[in-house]
N, C-alpha and C. Protein backbone atom coordinates (compact mmCIF):
# COMPACT_ATOMS: atom_id res chain seq x y z
N MET A 1 0.81 -1.17 0.00
CA MET A 1 0.00 0.00 0.00
C MET A 1 0.87 1.24 0.00
N LYS A 2 1.94 1.18 0.76
CA LYS A 2 2.85 2.31 0.82
C LYS A 2 3.48 2.54 -0.54
N THR A 3 3.83 1.50 -1.25
CA THR A 3 4.42 1.61 -2.57
C THR A 3 3.42 2.22 -3.55
N ARG A 4 2.20 1.76 -3.42
CA ARG A 4 1.17 2.28 -4.31
C ARG A 4 0.97 3.78 -4.07
N THR A 5 0.99 4.21 -2.86
CA THR A 5 0.85 5.63 -2.53
C THR A 5 2.04 6.41 -3.06
N ASN A 6 3.23 5.84 -2.92
CA ASN A 6 4.43 6.51 -3.44
C ASN A 6 4.36 6.64 -4.95
N VAL A 7 3.92 5.61 -5.64
CA VAL A 7 3.81 5.65 -7.11
C VAL A 7 2.80 6.70 -7.52
N ILE A 8 1.69 6.74 -6.85
CA ILE A 8 0.66 7.74 -7.18
C ILE A 8 1.20 9.15 -6.92
N ALA A 9 1.92 9.33 -5.84
CA ALA A 9 2.49 10.63 -5.53
C ALA A 9 3.51 11.04 -6.58
N ILE A 10 4.37 10.11 -6.99
CA ILE A 10 5.38 10.41 -8.01
C ILE A 10 4.71 10.73 -9.34
N VAL A 11 3.70 9.98 -9.72
CA VAL A 11 2.98 10.24 -10.97
C VAL A 11 2.31 11.61 -10.90
N ALA A 12 1.75 11.93 -9.77
CA ALA A 12 1.10 13.23 -9.62
C ALA A 12 2.10 14.36 -9.75
N VAL A 13 3.26 14.20 -9.11
CA VAL A 13 4.30 15.23 -9.17
C VAL A 13 4.82 15.36 -10.60
N LEU A 14 5.08 14.26 -11.27
CA LEU A 14 5.57 14.30 -12.66
C LEU A 14 4.55 14.93 -13.59
N SER A 15 3.29 14.56 -13.43
CA SER A 15 2.27 15.14 -14.31
C SER A 15 2.14 16.64 -14.06
N ALA A 16 2.26 17.06 -12.81
CA ALA A 16 2.21 18.48 -12.49
C ALA A 16 3.39 19.21 -13.11
N MET A 17 4.55 18.61 -13.07
CA MET A 17 5.74 19.23 -13.65
C MET A 17 5.62 19.30 -15.17
N LEU A 18 5.11 18.27 -15.79
CA LEU A 18 5.01 18.25 -17.24
C LEU A 18 3.95 19.21 -17.76
N THR A 19 2.87 19.35 -17.06
CA THR A 19 1.83 20.26 -17.53
C THR A 19 2.22 21.71 -17.31
N GLY A 20 3.07 21.99 -16.37
CA GLY A 20 3.48 23.36 -16.09
C GLY A 20 4.60 23.85 -16.98
N CYS A 21 5.33 22.98 -17.60
CA CYS A 21 6.48 23.35 -18.42
C CYS A 21 6.17 23.19 -19.90
N ALA A 22 6.83 23.98 -20.69
CA ALA A 22 6.66 23.88 -22.13
C ALA A 22 7.56 22.77 -22.66
N THR A 23 7.08 22.10 -23.68
CA THR A 23 7.90 21.07 -24.30
C THR A 23 8.91 21.73 -25.21
N SER A 24 9.91 20.97 -25.61
CA SER A 24 10.93 21.54 -26.50
C SER A 24 10.31 21.91 -27.84
N ARG A 25 9.31 21.19 -28.27
CA ARG A 25 8.63 21.50 -29.52
C ARG A 25 7.90 22.83 -29.40
N GLN A 26 7.28 23.06 -28.27
CA GLN A 26 6.60 24.34 -28.04
C GLN A 26 7.61 25.49 -27.99
N MET A 27 8.74 25.24 -27.37
CA MET A 27 9.78 26.28 -27.30
C MET A 27 10.32 26.59 -28.70
N GLU A 28 10.51 25.56 -29.51
CA GLU A 28 10.99 25.78 -30.88
C GLU A 28 9.98 26.60 -31.67
N LYS A 29 8.69 26.30 -31.47
CA LYS A 29 7.65 27.06 -32.17
C LYS A 29 7.66 28.52 -31.72
N VAL A 30 7.80 28.75 -30.42
CA VAL A 30 7.85 30.12 -29.90
C VAL A 30 9.07 30.85 -30.46
N GLU A 31 10.21 30.18 -30.50
CA GLU A 31 11.42 30.80 -31.04
C GLU A 31 11.26 31.09 -32.53
N ALA A 32 10.64 30.17 -33.27
CA ALA A 32 10.41 30.40 -34.70
C ALA A 32 9.46 31.57 -34.90
N ASP A 33 8.42 31.64 -34.08
CA ASP A 33 7.49 32.77 -34.18
C ASP A 33 8.19 34.08 -33.86
N GLN A 34 9.07 34.06 -32.88
CA GLN A 34 9.82 35.26 -32.50
C GLN A 34 10.74 35.71 -33.64
N LYS A 35 11.40 34.75 -34.28
CA LYS A 35 12.28 35.09 -35.41
C LYS A 35 11.47 35.67 -36.56
N LEU A 36 10.30 35.09 -36.82
CA LEU A 36 9.44 35.60 -37.89
C LEU A 36 8.98 37.02 -37.56
N LEU A 37 8.62 37.25 -36.32
CA LEU A 37 8.21 38.58 -35.89
C LEU A 37 9.36 39.58 -36.01
N ASP A 38 10.56 39.16 -35.61
CA ASP A 38 11.73 40.03 -35.73
C ASP A 38 11.98 40.40 -37.19
N THR A 39 11.83 39.42 -38.07
CA THR A 39 12.03 39.66 -39.51
C THR A 39 11.00 40.67 -40.03
N LYS A 40 9.74 40.50 -39.61
CA LYS A 40 8.69 41.42 -40.05
C LYS A 40 8.94 42.83 -39.52
N VAL A 41 9.38 42.93 -38.29
CA VAL A 41 9.67 44.24 -37.70
C VAL A 41 10.82 44.91 -38.46
N GLU A 42 11.84 44.15 -38.76
CA GLU A 42 12.99 44.69 -39.49
C GLU A 42 12.57 45.16 -40.88
N GLN A 43 11.72 44.37 -41.55
CA GLN A 43 11.24 44.75 -42.88
C GLN A 43 10.39 46.02 -42.79
N ALA A 44 9.55 46.10 -41.78
CA ALA A 44 8.72 47.30 -41.61
C ALA A 44 9.60 48.52 -41.35
N LEU A 45 10.65 48.35 -40.57
CA LEU A 45 11.57 49.45 -40.30
C LEU A 45 12.27 49.90 -41.58
N GLN A 46 12.70 48.95 -42.38
CA GLN A 46 13.35 49.29 -43.65
C GLN A 46 12.37 50.01 -44.59
N ASN A 47 11.13 49.53 -44.63
CA ASN A 47 10.12 50.18 -45.47
C ASN A 47 9.85 51.60 -44.99
N ALA A 48 9.80 51.78 -43.69
CA ALA A 48 9.57 53.13 -43.15
C ALA A 48 10.73 54.06 -43.49
N GLN A 49 11.95 53.55 -43.39
CA GLN A 49 13.12 54.38 -43.72
C GLN A 49 13.12 54.73 -45.21
N ALA A 50 12.75 53.77 -46.05
CA ALA A 50 12.69 54.05 -47.49
C ALA A 50 11.61 55.08 -47.79
N ALA A 51 10.47 54.96 -47.13
CA ALA A 51 9.38 55.92 -47.34
C ALA A 51 9.79 57.32 -46.88
N LYS A 52 10.51 57.40 -45.77
CA LYS A 52 10.98 58.70 -45.27
C LYS A 52 11.98 59.31 -46.25
N ALA A 53 12.87 58.49 -46.78
CA ALA A 53 13.85 59.00 -47.74
C ALA A 53 13.14 59.51 -49.00
N ALA A 54 12.14 58.77 -49.47
CA ALA A 54 11.38 59.20 -50.65
C ALA A 54 10.62 60.49 -50.37
N ALA A 55 10.06 60.60 -49.18
CA ALA A 55 9.34 61.82 -48.82
C ALA A 55 10.28 63.02 -48.74
N ASP A 56 11.46 62.80 -48.18
CA ASP A 56 12.45 63.88 -48.10
C ASP A 56 12.87 64.33 -49.50
N GLU A 57 13.08 63.37 -50.39
CA GLU A 57 13.47 63.71 -51.76
C GLU A 57 12.35 64.46 -52.47
N ALA A 58 11.12 64.02 -52.27
CA ALA A 58 9.98 64.70 -52.89
C ALA A 58 9.85 66.12 -52.36
N LYS A 59 10.10 66.31 -51.07
CA LYS A 59 10.04 67.66 -50.49
C LYS A 59 11.10 68.56 -51.11
N LEU A 60 12.31 68.03 -51.28
CA LEU A 60 13.37 68.82 -51.91
C LEU A 60 12.99 69.22 -53.33
N LYS A 61 12.43 68.27 -54.08
CA LYS A 61 12.02 68.57 -55.45
C LYS A 61 10.90 69.61 -55.47
N ALA A 62 9.96 69.50 -54.53
CA ALA A 62 8.87 70.47 -54.47
C ALA A 62 9.39 71.85 -54.11
N ASP A 63 10.33 71.92 -53.18
CA ASP A 63 10.93 73.21 -52.82
C ASP A 63 11.66 73.82 -54.01
N ASP A 64 12.38 72.98 -54.75
CA ASP A 64 13.11 73.46 -55.93
C ASP A 64 12.13 73.98 -56.98
N ALA A 65 11.04 73.24 -57.20
CA ALA A 65 10.04 73.67 -58.18
C ALA A 65 9.39 74.99 -57.75
N THR A 66 9.15 75.13 -56.47
CA THR A 66 8.56 76.37 -55.96
C THR A 66 9.51 77.55 -56.19
N ASN A 67 10.78 77.35 -55.91
CA ASN A 67 11.77 78.41 -56.13
C ASN A 67 11.85 78.80 -57.60
N ARG A 68 11.85 77.78 -58.49
CA ARG A 68 11.91 78.09 -59.92
C ARG A 68 10.66 78.82 -60.38
N ALA A 69 9.50 78.45 -59.84
CA ALA A 69 8.26 79.13 -60.20
C ALA A 69 8.28 80.59 -59.73
N GLU A 70 8.79 80.82 -58.54
CA GLU A 70 8.89 82.20 -58.03
C GLU A 70 9.83 83.03 -58.89
N GLN A 71 10.95 82.44 -59.28
CA GLN A 71 11.90 83.15 -60.14
C GLN A 71 11.28 83.45 -61.50
N ALA A 72 10.54 82.49 -62.05
CA ALA A 72 9.89 82.70 -63.34
C ALA A 72 8.83 83.79 -63.24
N GLU A 73 8.11 83.83 -62.12
CA GLU A 73 7.11 84.87 -61.93
C GLU A 73 7.76 86.25 -61.85
N LYS A 74 8.86 86.35 -61.13
CA LYS A 74 9.58 87.62 -61.03
C LYS A 74 10.10 88.06 -62.39
N ALA A 75 10.64 87.11 -63.16
CA ALA A 75 11.14 87.45 -64.50
C ALA A 75 10.00 87.91 -65.40
N ALA A 76 8.84 87.27 -65.31
CA ALA A 76 7.69 87.66 -66.12
C ALA A 76 7.21 89.05 -65.74
N GLN A 77 7.19 89.35 -64.46
CA GLN A 77 6.79 90.68 -64.01
C GLN A 77 7.76 91.75 -64.51
N GLU A 78 9.04 91.41 -64.51
CA GLU A 78 10.04 92.36 -65.00
C GLU A 78 9.86 92.60 -66.51
N ARG A 79 9.62 91.51 -67.25
CA ARG A 79 9.39 91.67 -68.69
C ARG A 79 8.13 92.47 -68.97
N GLU A 80 7.10 92.25 -68.16
CA GLU A 80 5.86 93.01 -68.32
C GLU A 80 6.11 94.50 -68.05
N ARG A 81 6.90 94.80 -67.01
CA ARG A 81 7.22 96.19 -66.70
C ARG A 81 7.97 96.84 -67.86
N ILE A 82 8.96 96.13 -68.39
CA ILE A 82 9.75 96.65 -69.51
C ILE A 82 8.86 96.86 -70.74
N ALA A 83 7.96 95.90 -70.99
CA ALA A 83 7.06 96.02 -72.16
C ALA A 83 6.13 97.22 -71.98
N ASN A 84 5.65 97.44 -70.77
CA ASN A 84 4.79 98.62 -70.53
C ASN A 84 5.56 99.91 -70.74
N GLU A 85 6.80 99.97 -70.31
CA GLU A 85 7.61 101.17 -70.52
C GLU A 85 7.82 101.43 -72.01
N LYS A 86 8.13 100.34 -72.75
CA LYS A 86 8.33 100.49 -74.20
C LYS A 86 7.04 100.94 -74.88
N MET A 87 5.90 100.40 -74.41
CA MET A 87 4.62 100.78 -75.01
C MET A 87 4.33 102.26 -74.72
N GLN A 88 4.65 102.71 -73.51
CA GLN A 88 4.43 104.13 -73.19
C GLN A 88 5.32 105.02 -74.05
N ARG A 89 6.58 104.60 -74.27
CA ARG A 89 7.47 105.39 -75.12
C ARG A 89 6.97 105.41 -76.56
N ALA A 90 6.49 104.26 -77.01
CA ALA A 90 5.97 104.20 -78.38
C ALA A 90 4.73 105.08 -78.52
N ASP A 91 3.86 105.06 -77.52
CA ASP A 91 2.66 105.92 -77.56
C ASP A 91 3.07 107.39 -77.56
N SER A 92 4.05 107.72 -76.72
CA SER A 92 4.53 109.11 -76.69
C SER A 92 5.10 109.52 -78.04
N ALA A 93 5.88 108.64 -78.63
CA ALA A 93 6.47 108.95 -79.94
C ALA A 93 5.38 109.09 -80.99
N PHE A 94 4.37 108.24 -80.94
CA PHE A 94 3.28 108.32 -81.90
C PHE A 94 2.52 109.64 -81.74
N LEU A 95 2.21 110.00 -80.48
CA LEU A 95 1.49 111.23 -80.23
C LEU A 95 2.31 112.44 -80.68
N LYS A 96 3.63 112.39 -80.46
CA LYS A 96 4.52 113.47 -80.91
C LYS A 96 4.49 113.62 -82.43
N SER A 97 4.53 112.45 -83.08
CA SER A 97 4.54 112.48 -84.56
C SER A 97 3.18 112.96 -85.10
N MET A 98 2.12 112.71 -84.39
CA MET A 98 0.80 113.14 -84.84
C MET A 98 0.61 114.64 -84.64
N ARG A 99 1.31 115.23 -83.68
CA ARG A 99 1.20 116.66 -83.42
C ARG A 99 1.91 117.46 -84.51
N LYS A 100 2.88 116.88 -85.12
CA LYS A 100 3.67 117.61 -86.13
C LYS A 100 2.95 117.78 -87.39
């Protein structure tokens, strides 16, 4: 009877230990899942860095285009001013010639 009680106690202790611990197969699965997650995180980080670099480049191009547009507008205004001055001189010359 004492042996039977000892066997039952040992079986109970072993079953408690086995149910509380992860098997090596479970640990391998957890490690594989962790590696897969690490890979996905690394890929997401690389994608984010690439997107930031593309956004920075697009911002530089937009700033450059804005500067060129402002310069073109200033040049057009200057040409318009010069054309108006020439037109006023031509009108003055025409009026002078008509008075004679």
